[in-house]
C-alpha atoms as a PDB file:
ATOM      1  CA  MET A   1      44.239  66.703 235.544  1.00  0.00           C
ATOM      2  CA  GLY A   2      42.935  65.000 238.688  1.00  0.00           C
ATOM      3  CA  ILE A   3      43.165  61.318 239.546  1.00  0.00           C
ATOM      4  CA  LYS A   4      40.717  59.234 237.520  1.00  0.00           C
ATOM      5  CA  SER A   5      38.417  56.642 238.986  1.00  0.00           C
ATOM      6  CA  SER A   6      39.063  53.033 238.014  1.00  0.00           C
ATOM      7  CA  VAL A   7      35.976  52.972 235.769  1.00  0.00           C
ATOM      8  CA  THR A   8      36.736  56.173 233.849  1.00  0.00           C
ATOM      9  CA  ASP A   9      40.345  55.060 233.382  1.00  0.00           C
ATOM     10  CA  VAL A  10      39.206  51.753 231.854  1.00  0.00           C
ATOM     11  CA  LEU A  11      36.721  53.513 229.572  1.00  0.00           C
ATOM     12  CA  GLU A  12      39.274  56.083 228.416  1.00  0.00           C
ATOM     13  CA  HIS A  13      41.797  53.413 227.432  1.00  0.00           C
ATOM     14  CA  ALA A  14      39.210  51.171 225.755  1.00  0.00           C
ATOM     15  CA  ILE A  15      37.839  54.061 223.688  1.00  0.00           C
ATOM     16  CA  ARG A  16      41.306  55.198 222.625  1.00  0.00           C
ATOM     17  CA  TRP A  17      42.512  51.706 221.773  1.00  0.00           C
ATOM     18  CA  GLN A  18      39.440  51.045 219.648  1.00  0.00           C
ATOM     19  CA  SER A  19      39.866  54.374 217.817  1.00  0.00           C
ATOM     20  CA  GLU A  20      43.466  53.391 217.050  1.00  0.00           C
ATOM     21  CA  GLY A  21      42.257  50.194 215.358  1.00  0.00           C
ATOM     22  CA  HIS A  22      43.004  47.684 218.114  1.00  0.00           C
ATOM     23  CA  GLY A  23      40.720  44.834 219.064  1.00  0.00           C
ATOM     24  CA  VAL A  24      39.564  45.384 222.647  1.00  0.00           C
ATOM     25  CA  GLU A  25      37.756  43.209 225.180  1.00  0.00           C
ATOM     26  CA  LEU A  26      35.795  44.812 228.011  1.00  0.00           C
ATOM     27  CA  ILE A  27      35.746  42.382 230.927  1.00  0.00           C
ATOM     28  CA  THR A  28      33.192  42.483 233.756  1.00  0.00           C
ATOM     29  CA  VAL A  29      33.207  40.542 237.014  1.00  0.00           C
ATOM     30  CA  VAL A  30      29.744  38.935 236.973  1.00  0.00           C
ATOM     31  CA  LYS A  31      29.954  36.453 239.867  1.00  0.00           C
ATOM     32  CA  THR A  32      32.289  35.867 242.816  1.00  0.00           C
ATOM     33  CA  PHE A  33      32.784  32.899 245.137  1.00  0.00           C
ATOM     34  CA  GLY A  34      34.996  32.798 248.217  1.00  0.00           C
ATOM     35  CA  SER A  35      37.379  35.670 248.892  1.00  0.00           C
ATOM     36  CA  SER A  36      37.490  37.377 245.512  1.00  0.00           C
ATOM     37  CA  PRO A  37      38.978  40.863 246.131  1.00  0.00           C
ATOM     38  CA  ARG A  38      36.966  42.645 243.417  1.00  0.00           C
ATOM     39  CA  PRO A  39      33.172  43.019 243.616  1.00  0.00           C
ATOM     40  CA  VAL A  40      30.700  42.195 240.857  1.00  0.00           C
ATOM     41  CA  GLY A  41      30.560  44.961 238.272  1.00  0.00           C
ATOM     42  CA  SER A  42      34.314  45.611 238.364  1.00  0.00           C
ATOM     43  CA  LEU A  43      35.775  46.356 234.939  1.00  0.00           C
ATOM     44  CA  ALA A  44      38.996  45.824 233.013  1.00  0.00           C
ATOM     45  CA  ALA A  45      39.915  46.288 229.358  1.00  0.00           C
ATOM     46  CA  VAL A  46      42.462  44.219 227.438  1.00  0.00           C
ATOM     47  CA  ARG A  47      43.856  44.913 223.995  1.00  0.00           C
ATOM     48  CA  HIS A  48      44.238  41.848 221.780  1.00  0.00           C
ATOM     49  CA  ASP A  49      48.032  42.264 221.951  1.00  0.00           C
ATOM     50  CA  GLY A  50      47.910  41.905 225.749  1.00  0.00           C
ATOM     51  CA  HIS A  51      47.950  45.494 227.066  1.00  0.00           C
ATOM     52  CA  MET A  52      45.592  45.780 230.025  1.00  0.00           C
ATOM     53  CA  VAL A  53      44.011  48.447 232.213  1.00  0.00           C
ATOM     54  CA  GLY A  54      41.860  47.917 235.297  1.00  0.00           C
ATOM     55  CA  SER A  55      41.648  44.885 237.555  1.00  0.00           C
ATOM     56  CA  VAL A  56      39.241  42.021 238.048  1.00  0.00           C
ATOM     57  CA  SER A  57      41.099  40.049 240.715  1.00  0.00           C
ATOM     58  CA  GLY A  58      43.574  42.307 242.493  1.00  0.00           C
ATOM     59  CA  GLY A  59      46.455  40.623 240.633  1.00  0.00           C
ATOM     60  CA  CYS A  60      45.715  36.910 241.094  1.00  0.00           C
ATOM     61  CA  ILE A  61      44.668  35.980 237.560  1.00  0.00           C
ATOM     62  CA  GLU A  62      45.519  38.939 235.338  1.00  0.00           C
ATOM     63  CA  LYS A  63      48.338  37.038 233.616  1.00  0.00           C
ATOM     64  CA  GLN A  64      45.999  34.137 232.815  1.00  0.00           C
ATOM     65  CA  LEU A  65      43.422  36.578 231.553  1.00  0.00           C
ATOM     66  CA  VAL A  66      45.838  38.289 229.140  1.00  0.00           C
ATOM     67  CA  GLU A  67      46.937  34.911 227.779  1.00  0.00           C
ATOM     68  CA  GLN A  68      43.289  33.956 227.288  1.00  0.00           C
ATOM     69  CA  ILE A  69      42.652  37.142 225.300  1.00  0.00           C
ATOM     70  CA  ARG A  70      45.688  36.526 223.090  1.00  0.00           C
ATOM     71  CA  SER A  71      44.350  33.057 222.266  1.00  0.00           C
ATOM     72  CA  GLY A  72      41.135  34.389 220.729  1.00  0.00           C
ATOM     73  CA  HIS A  73      37.716  35.969 221.398  1.00  0.00           C
ATOM     74  CA  ASN A  74      35.806  34.743 224.474  1.00  0.00           C
ATOM     75  CA  PRO A  75      32.122  35.605 224.130  1.00  0.00           C
ATOM     76  CA  ALA A  76      30.930  33.368 226.982  1.00  0.00           C
ATOM     77  CA  PRO A  77      31.460  33.785 230.718  1.00  0.00           C
ATOM     78  CA  ILE A  78      34.617  32.103 231.997  1.00  0.00           C
ATOM     79  CA  THR A  79      35.307  31.067 235.590  1.00  0.00           C
ATOM     80  CA  TYR A  80      38.793  31.513 237.039  1.00  0.00           C
ATOM     81  CA  ASN A  81      39.890  29.846 240.250  1.00  0.00           C
ATOM     82  CA  VAL A  82      42.271  31.333 242.801  1.00  0.00           C
ATOM     83  CA  THR A  83      44.170  28.663 244.744  1.00  0.00           C
ATOM     84  CA  ASP A  84      44.956  29.023 248.438  1.00  0.00           C
ATOM     85  CA  ALA A  85      48.644  29.485 247.538  1.00  0.00           C
ATOM     86  CA  GLU A  86      47.802  32.302 245.119  1.00  0.00           C
ATOM     87  CA  ALA A  87      45.472  33.852 247.663  1.00  0.00           C
ATOM     88  CA  LYS A  88      48.238  33.898 250.275  1.00  0.00           C
ATOM     89  CA  ARG A  89      50.623  35.462 247.772  1.00  0.00           C
ATOM     90  CA  PHE A  90      48.191  38.303 247.070  1.00  0.00           C
ATOM     91  CA  GLY A  91      47.209  38.855 250.701  1.00  0.00           C
ATOM     92  CA  LEU A  92      43.800  37.175 250.697  1.00  0.00           C
ATOM     93  CA  MET A  93      42.390  35.016 253.485  1.00  0.00           C
ATOM     94  CA  CYS A  94      41.659  32.009 251.269  1.00  0.00           C
ATOM     95  CA  GLY A  95      41.106  30.978 247.688  1.00  0.00           C
ATOM     96  CA  GLY A  96      37.968  31.488 245.631  1.00  0.00           C
ATOM     97  CA  SER A  97      36.759  31.940 242.108  1.00  0.00           C
ATOM     98  CA  ILE A  98      35.347  34.656 239.896  1.00  0.00           C
ATOM     99  CA  GLU A  99      33.265  34.530 236.753  1.00  0.00           C
ATOM    100  CA  LEU A 100      34.119  37.007 234.013  1.00  0.00           C
ATOM    101  CA  LEU A 101      32.151  38.125 230.976  1.00  0.00           C
ATOM    102  CA  PHE A 102      34.176  39.067 227.876  1.00  0.00           C
ATOM    103  CA  GLU A 103      32.631  41.705 225.626  1.00  0.00           C
ATOM    104  CA  ASN A 104      34.167  42.646 222.281  1.00  0.00           C
ATOM    105  CA  VAL A 105      34.181  46.468 222.167  1.00  0.00           C
ATOM    106  CA  SER A 106      32.380  47.982 219.160  1.00  0.00           C
ATOM    107  CA  GLU A 107      30.289  51.026 218.365  1.00  0.00           C
ATOM    108  CA  ASN A 108      27.351  49.143 219.887  1.00  0.00           C
ATOM    109  CA  SER A 109      29.155  49.178 223.241  1.00  0.00           C
ATOM    110  CA  LYS A 110      28.380  52.907 223.695  1.00  0.00           C
ATOM    111  CA  LEU A 111      31.497  53.502 225.778  1.00  0.00           C
ATOM    112  CA  SER A 112      31.914  57.126 224.649  1.00  0.00           C
ATOM    113  CA  GLU A 113      28.333  57.945 225.629  1.00  0.00           C
ATOM    114  CA  LEU A 114      28.839  56.174 228.952  1.00  0.00           C
ATOM    115  CA  GLN A 115      32.044  58.131 229.589  1.00  0.00           C
ATOM    116  CA  GLN A 116      30.237  61.413 228.882  1.00  0.00           C
ATOM    117  CA  ARG A 117      27.440  60.501 231.288  1.00  0.00           C
ATOM    118  CA  LEU A 118      29.888  59.616 234.058  1.00  0.00           C
ATOM    119  CA  ASN A 119      31.836  62.834 233.466  1.00  0.00           C
ATOM    120  CA  ARG A 120      28.547  64.669 234.125  1.00  0.00           C
ATOM    121  CA  ASN A 121      28.143  62.683 237.372  1.00  0.00           C
ATOM    122  CA  GLN A 122      25.150  60.790 235.964  1.00  0.00           C
ATOM    123  CA  ARG A 123      24.828  57.454 237.728  1.00  0.00           C
ATOM    124  CA  THR A 124      23.988  55.082 234.893  1.00  0.00           C
ATOM    125  CA  THR A 125      22.674  51.592 234.235  1.00  0.00           C
ATOM    126  CA  ARG A 126      24.419  49.859 231.340  1.00  0.00           C
ATOM    127  CA  HIS A 127      22.261  47.032 230.006  1.00  0.00           C
ATOM    128  CA  LEU A 128      24.122  44.579 227.737  1.00  0.00           C
ATOM    129  CA  HIS A 129      22.316  41.928 225.699  1.00  0.00           C
ATOM    130  CA  VAL A 130      25.006  39.245 225.709  1.00  0.00           C
ATOM    131  CA  ALA A 131      24.083  37.460 222.470  1.00  0.00           C
ATOM    132  CA  THR A 132      23.902  40.573 220.268  1.00  0.00           C
ATOM    133  CA  GLY A 133      26.253  42.980 222.037  1.00  0.00           C
ATOM    134  CA  GLU A 134      23.550  45.673 221.990  1.00  0.00           C
ATOM    135  CA  VAL A 135      23.731  48.174 224.861  1.00  0.00           C
ATOM    136  CA  THR A 136      21.225  50.613 226.331  1.00  0.00           C
ATOM    137  CA  LEU A 137      22.097  53.339 228.852  1.00  0.00           C
ATOM    138  CA  ASN A 138      19.672  54.868 231.345  1.00  0.00           C
ATOM    139  CA  ASP A 139      19.758  56.986 234.470  1.00  0.00           C
ATOM    140  CA  ALA A 140      20.106  54.701 237.476  1.00  0.00           C
ATOM    141  CA  ALA A 141      17.419  54.725 240.141  1.00  0.00           C
ATOM    142  CA  GLU A 142      18.281  54.410 243.820  1.00  0.00           C
ATOM    143  CA  GLN A 143      16.961  50.831 243.951  1.00  0.00           C
ATOM    144  CA  ASP A 144      18.750  49.567 240.804  1.00  0.00           C
ATOM    145  CA  GLN A 145      21.180  46.700 241.389  1.00  0.00           C
ATOM    146  CA  PHE A 146      23.749  44.695 239.458  1.00  0.00           C
ATOM    147  CA  HIS A 147      22.182  41.767 237.575  1.00  0.00           C
ATOM    148  CA  PHE A 148      23.527  38.950 235.405  1.00  0.00           C
ATOM    149  CA  ASP A 149      21.564  35.901 234.257  1.00  0.00           C
ATOM    150  CA  GLY A 150      23.672  34.683 231.333  1.00  0.00           C
ATOM    151  CA  GLU A 151      21.561  36.498 228.746  1.00  0.00           C
ATOM    152  CA  SER A 152      21.672  40.084 229.952  1.00  0.00           C
ATOM    153  CA  LEU A 153      24.031  42.107 232.124  1.00  0.00           C
ATOM    154  CA  ILE A 154      22.946  45.203 234.031  1.00  0.00           C
ATOM    155  CA  ASN A 155      25.833  47.101 235.584  1.00  0.00           C
ATOM    156  CA  ILE A 156      25.413  50.205 237.740  1.00  0.00           C
ATOM    157  CA  LEU A 157      28.169  52.727 237.052  1.00  0.00           C
ATOM    158  CA  GLY A 158      28.883  56.072 238.643  1.00  0.00           C
ATOM    159  CA  ALA A 159      28.919  57.318 242.184  1.00  0.00           C
ATOM    160  CA  ASN A 160      25.890  56.952 244.415  1.00  0.00           C
ATOM    161  CA  TYR A 161      27.583  58.507 247.471  1.00  0.00           C
ATOM    162  CA  HIS A 162      27.825  62.307 247.330  1.00  0.00           C
ATOM    163  CA  LEU A 163      30.300  64.407 249.330  1.00  0.00           C
ATOM    164  CA  ILE A 164      29.660  68.098 250.015  1.00  0.00           C
ATOM    165  CA  ILE A 165      33.013  69.675 250.816  1.00  0.00           C
ATOM    166  CA  ILE A 166      33.053  73.116 252.427  1.00  0.00           C
ATOM    167  CA  GLY A 167      36.067  75.149 251.335  1.00  0.00           C
ATOM    168  CA  ALA A 168      38.162  75.318 248.153  1.00  0.00           C
ATOM    169  CA  ASN A 169      41.620  75.021 249.699  1.00  0.00           C
ATOM    170  CA  GLU A 170      44.636  72.738 249.274  1.00  0.00           C
ATOM    171  CA  LEU A 171      43.259  70.054 251.578  1.00  0.00           C
ATOM    172  CA  SER A 172      39.965  70.108 249.696  1.00  0.00           C
ATOM    173  CA  ARG A 173      41.778  69.684 246.379  1.00  0.00           C
ATOM    174  CA  PHE A 174      43.556  66.511 247.490  1.00  0.00           C
ATOM    175  CA  THR A 175      40.399  65.217 249.162  1.00  0.00           C
ATOM    176  CA  VAL A 176      38.425  65.755 245.945  1.00  0.00           C
ATOM    177  CA  GLU A 177      40.981  63.926 243.814  1.00  0.00           C
ATOM    178  CA  PHE A 178      41.311  60.930 246.132  1.00  0.00           C
ATOM    179  CA  ALA A 179      37.540  60.748 246.699  1.00  0.00           C
ATOM    180  CA  GLN A 180      36.781  60.810 242.977  1.00  0.00           C
ATOM    181  CA  ALA A 181      39.334  58.045 242.443  1.00  0.00           C
ATOM    182  CA  VAL A 182      37.280  55.770 244.711  1.00  0.00           C
ATOM    183  CA  ASP A 183      33.968  56.688 243.094  1.00  0.00           C
ATOM    184  CA  PHE A 184      32.484  59.408 245.265  1.00  0.00           C
ATOM    185  CA  GLU A 185      30.568  62.229 243.606  1.00  0.00           C
ATOM    186  CA  VAL A 186      31.885  65.521 244.991  1.00  0.00           C
ATOM    187  CA  SER A 187      30.583  69.093 245.265  1.00  0.00           C
ATOM    188  CA  VAL A 188      32.810  71.892 246.576  1.00  0.00           C
ATOM    189  CA  ILE A 189      31.159  74.878 248.266  1.00  0.00           C
ATOM    190  CA  GLU A 190      33.126  78.126 248.418  1.00  0.00           C
ATOM    191  CA  PRO A 191      31.520  81.575 248.935  1.00  0.00           C
ATOM    192  CA  ARG A 192      34.902  83.373 249.151  1.00  0.00           C
ATOM    193  CA  GLU A 193      35.872  84.820 245.770  1.00  0.00           C
ATOM    194  CA  GLU A 194      39.622  84.687 246.340  1.00  0.00           C
ATOM    195  CA  PHE A 195      39.511  80.927 247.038  1.00  0.00           C
ATOM    196  CA  ASN A 196      37.207  80.307 244.090  1.00  0.00           C
ATOM    197  CA  ALA A 197      39.569  82.117 241.750  1.00  0.00           C
ATOM    198  CA  SER A 198      42.585  80.018 242.723  1.00  0.00           C
ATOM    199  CA  TRP A 199      40.918  76.571 242.601  1.00  0.00           C
ATOM    200  CA  PRO A 200      43.356  74.523 240.459  1.00  0.00           C
ATOM    201  CA  ILE A 201      41.315  71.573 239.125  1.00  0.00           C
ATOM    202  CA  PRO A 202      38.588  71.732 236.470  1.00  0.00           C
ATOM    203  CA  THR A 203      36.081  69.329 238.013  1.00  0.00           C
ATOM    204  CA  PRO A 204      34.189  70.054 240.129  1.00  0.00           C
ATOM    205  CA  THR A 205      33.916  73.825 239.779  1.00  0.00           C
ATOM    206  CA  PRO A 206      33.366  75.334 243.247  1.00  0.00           C
ATOM    207  CA  ILE A 207      29.801  76.487 243.905  1.00  0.00           C
ATOM    208  CA  ASN A 208      29.581  80.083 245.103  1.00  0.00           C
ATOM    209  CA  GLN A 209      26.975  79.551 247.813  1.00  0.00           C
ATOM    210  CA  MET A 210      26.743  79.832 251.576  1.00  0.00           C
ATOM    211  CA  PRO A 211      27.429  76.462 253.244  1.00  0.00           C
ATOM    212  CA  ASP A 212      24.083  76.142 255.036  1.00  0.00           C
ATOM    213  CA  ASP A 213      22.143  76.852 251.840  1.00  0.00           C
ATOM    214  CA  ALA A 214      24.288  74.315 249.968  1.00  0.00           C
ATOM    215  CA  VAL A 215      23.653  71.569 252.518  1.00  0.00           C
ATOM    216  CA  ILE A 216      19.909  72.271 252.450  1.00  0.00           C
ATOM    217  CA  GLU A 217      19.908  72.036 248.646  1.00  0.00           C
ATOM    218  CA  LEU A 218      22.371  69.195 248.009  1.00  0.00           C
ATOM    219  CA  ALA A 219      22.170  66.826 251.009  1.00  0.00           C
ATOM    220  CA  ARG A 220      18.941  65.208 249.914  1.00  0.00           C
ATOM    221  CA  HIS A 221      19.434  61.585 251.041  1.00  0.00           C
ATOM    222  CA  GLU A 222      21.376  59.396 253.449  1.00  0.00           C
ATOM    223  CA  HIS A 223      24.096  58.631 250.871  1.00  0.00           C
ATOM    224  CA  CYS A 224      25.388  62.191 251.300  1.00  0.00           C
ATOM    225  CA  GLY A 225      28.249  63.345 253.499  1.00  0.00           C
ATOM    226  CA  VAL A 226      29.319  66.819 254.647  1.00  0.00           C
ATOM    227  CA  LEU A 227      32.994  67.681 255.189  1.00  0.00           C
ATOM    228  CA  ALA A 228      33.712  71.043 256.847  1.00  0.00           C
ATOM    229  CA  LEU A 229      37.303  71.798 255.794  1.00  0.00           C
ATOM    230  CA  THR A 230      37.712  75.593 255.929  1.00  0.00           C
ATOM    231  CA  HIS A 231      38.798  75.790 259.601  1.00  0.00           C
ATOM    232  CA  ASP A 232      36.672  78.970 259.665  1.00  0.00           C
ATOM    233  CA  PRO A 233      33.796  78.700 262.180  1.00  0.00           C
ATOM    234  CA  ASN A 234      31.798  81.279 260.246  1.00  0.00           C
ATOM    235  CA  LEU A 235      31.553  78.798 257.374  1.00  0.00           C
ATOM    236  CA  ASP A 236      32.048  75.331 258.860  1.00  0.00           C
ATOM    237  CA  ASP A 237      29.496  75.829 261.644  1.00  0.00           C
ATOM    238  CA  LEU A 238      26.799  76.866 259.183  1.00  0.00           C
ATOM    239  CA  ALA A 239      27.269  73.629 257.254  1.00  0.00           C
ATOM    240  CA  LEU A 240      27.349  71.505 260.387  1.00  0.00           C
ATOM    241  CA  LEU A 241      24.197  73.026 261.858  1.00  0.00           C
ATOM    242  CA  GLU A 242      22.243  72.000 258.755  1.00  0.00           C
ATOM    243  CA  ALA A 243      23.986  68.645 258.368  1.00  0.00           C
ATOM    244  CA  LEU A 244      23.051  67.627 261.913  1.00  0.00           C
ATOM    245  CA  THR A 245      19.356  68.026 261.111  1.00  0.00           C
ATOM    246  CA  LYS A 246      19.629  65.348 258.404  1.00  0.00           C
ATOM    247  CA  ASN A 247      20.242  61.608 258.329  1.00  0.00           C
ATOM    248  CA  LEU A 248      23.598  61.473 256.499  1.00  0.00           C
ATOM    249  CA  PHE A 249      26.131  58.660 256.306  1.00  0.00           C
ATOM    250  CA  TYR A 250      28.985  61.019 257.249  1.00  0.00           C
ATOM    251  CA  VAL A 251      29.568  64.418 258.873  1.00  0.00           C
ATOM    252  CA  GLY A 252      33.162  65.468 259.562  1.00  0.00           C
ATOM    253  CA  ALA A 253      35.034  68.621 260.534  1.00  0.00           C
ATOM    254  CA  LEU A 254      38.661  69.707 260.407  1.00  0.00           C
ATOM    255  CA  GLY A 255      40.412  70.638 263.654  1.00  0.00           C
ATOM    256  CA  SER A 256      42.043  69.343 266.816  1.00  0.00           C
ATOM    257  CA  THR A 257      40.260  67.798 269.781  1.00  0.00           C
ATOM    258  CA  ARG A 258      40.485  71.124 271.633  1.00  0.00           C
ATOM    259  CA  SER A 259      39.100  73.130 268.712  1.00  0.00           C
ATOM    260  CA  HIS A 260      36.287  70.595 268.374  1.00  0.00           C
ATOM    261  CA  GLU A 261      35.312  71.128 272.024  1.00  0.00           C
ATOM    262  CA  LYS A 262      34.964  74.842 271.277  1.00  0.00           C
ATOM    263  CA  ARG A 263      32.999  73.979 268.150  1.00  0.00           C
ATOM    264  CA  LEU A 264      30.552  71.848 270.142  1.00  0.00           C
ATOM    265  CA  ALA A 265      29.972  74.741 272.550  1.00  0.00           C
ATOM    266  CA  ARG A 266      29.158  77.035 269.628  1.00  0.00           C
ATOM    267  CA  LEU A 267      26.811  74.478 268.045  1.00  0.00           C
ATOM    268  CA  ARG A 268      24.988  74.007 271.350  1.00  0.00           C
ATOM    269  CA  HIS A 269      24.577  77.776 271.588  1.00  0.00           C
ATOM    270  CA  PHE A 270      22.737  77.637 268.252  1.00  0.00           C
ATOM    271  CA  ASP A 271      20.521  74.764 269.434  1.00  0.00           C
ATOM    272  CA  ALA A 272      22.132  71.968 267.427  1.00  0.00           C
ATOM    273  CA  PRO A 273      20.427  68.642 268.275  1.00  0.00           C
ATOM    274  CA  GLU A 274      22.323  67.268 271.273  1.00  0.00           C
ATOM    275  CA  ASN A 275      21.857  63.639 270.232  1.00  0.00           C
ATOM    276  CA  LYS A 276      23.611  64.329 266.911  1.00  0.00           C
ATOM    277  CA  LEU A 277      26.705  66.152 268.193  1.00  0.00           C
ATOM    278  CA  ASP A 278      28.656  62.963 268.860  1.00  0.00           C
ATOM    279  CA  THR A 279      28.104  61.838 265.252  1.00  0.00           C
ATOM    280  CA  ILE A 280      30.544  64.492 263.981  1.00  0.00           C
ATOM    281  CA  HIS A 281      33.857  62.904 262.989  1.00  0.00           C
ATOM    282  CA  ALA A 282      36.398  65.231 264.559  1.00  0.00           C
ATOM    283  CA  PRO A 283      39.315  65.285 264.370  1.00  0.00           C
ATOM    284  CA  ILE A 284      38.417  64.263 260.848  1.00  0.00           C
ATOM    285  CA  GLY A 285      39.955  61.193 259.225  1.00  0.00           C
ATOM    286  CA  VAL A 286      41.745  58.044 260.355  1.00  0.00           C
ATOM    287  CA  ASN A 287      44.634  58.623 262.767  1.00  0.00           C
ATOM    288  CA  ILE A 288      47.658  57.709 260.626  1.00  0.00           C
ATOM    289  CA  GLY A 289      49.986  60.436 261.875  1.00  0.00           C
ATOM    290  CA  SER A 290      49.228  62.627 258.871  1.00  0.00           C
ATOM    291  CA  ARG A 291      50.747  66.103 258.737  1.00  0.00           C
ATOM    292  CA  THR A 292      50.642  67.427 255.166  1.00  0.00           C
ATOM    293  CA  ALA A 293      47.490  68.310 253.234  1.00  0.00           C
ATOM    294  CA  SER A 294      47.817  65.258 251.003  1.00  0.00           C
ATOM    295  CA  GLU A 295      48.351  62.937 253.984  1.00  0.00           C
ATOM    296  CA  ILE A 296      45.331  64.372 255.800  1.00  0.00           C
ATOM    297  CA  ALA A 297      43.271  63.924 252.628  1.00  0.00           C
ATOM    298  CA  ILE A 298      44.309  60.259 252.481  1.00  0.00           C
ATOM    299  CA  SER A 299      43.211  59.808 256.101  1.00  0.00           C
ATOM    300  CA  ILE A 300      39.848  61.467 255.375  1.00  0.00           C
ATOM    301  CA  VAL A 301      39.122  59.343 252.307  1.00  0.00           C
ATOM    302  CA  ALA A 302      40.187  56.186 254.131  1.00  0.00           C
ATOM    303  CA  GLU A 303      37.597  56.965 256.796  1.00  0.00           C
ATOM    304  CA  LEU A 304      34.982  57.669 254.123  1.00  0.00           C
ATOM    305  CA  VAL A 305      35.646  54.370 252.341  1.00  0.00           C
ATOM    306  CA  LYS A 306      35.356  52.447 255.619  1.00  0.00           C
ATOM    307  CA  LEU A 307      32.091  54.124 256.635  1.00  0.00           C
ATOM    308  CA  ARG A 308      30.633  53.804 253.133  1.00  0.00           C
ATOM    309  CA  ALA A 309      31.256  50.043 253.272  1.00  0.00           C
ATOM    310  CA  GLU A 310      29.635  49.819 256.712  1.00  0.00           C
ATOM    311  CA  HIS A 311      26.675  51.923 255.559  1.00  0.00           C
ATOM    312  CA  ARG A 312      26.135  49.703 252.516  1.00  0.00           C
ATOM    313  CA  LEU A 313      25.940  46.641 254.762  1.00  0.00           C
ATOM    314  CA  VAL A 314      23.252  48.338 256.874  1.00  0.00           C
ATOM    315  CA  VAL A 315      21.107  49.631 254.010  1.00  0.00           C
ATOM    316  CA  ASN A 316      21.400  46.428 251.964  1.00  0.00           C
END
């Protein structure tokens, strides 16, 4: 099984603990002040005996939080402060505070339905009525945002950045697993039957389609990225030619600086837009001295996380 995202891991544990008869609190970061390391909407789950999964502070207050849960139910938001000394200990610039909402998990919480939606890559709004614990789930629209006013909580869950990976090889496998762990939606495109047949992970199933057709069909908005990872010009170039005609947050290609120079010559031959050629990230990934497939995948996903954060600042 591949690496889980932080959200699906929290949901899986909370659902299992509840089914085993444990009391469970779902905890959401609803406000942050100062240098809180976790954004609003972050989730954790704590069993009433103190077992915990997920993180709401990066380690600063988790011990306090578990002790609070053991002391009894906390239906109201609670603010925790992080001192400058604690911030320094956990690698933060300065102290701050976060406000957490405690939610007693029940059938009304609809965690199983939410988990199923996320497993289908459905970006979802979870609307909690704080006083009653009633929850409604809906498909999230592009403009939907996190909201908390003390009476209702609207959290947006699921990936809204979509990666189109060309090639079902070992590098792609590691890239998929790491990318899913940090909440990217991923599609793998692989027209070669022998690579399709040996793909080792169940989700996503490779799509048997030519790369250019896949980019035309799937890269529908600027939150999409295209990663050409086959090292086969007959496939990678097709994807890149289409990707360069679109406004995407990321386009990257596997290969050395020398091989990229040859790639650029080929793309120019096929009339790729000259002003877009320098937007291709190649060699792909952050330069961390990576050699193995898993190390290269880490470098790629690190670059994706950085550029996603920068893109969010621009679009928001």
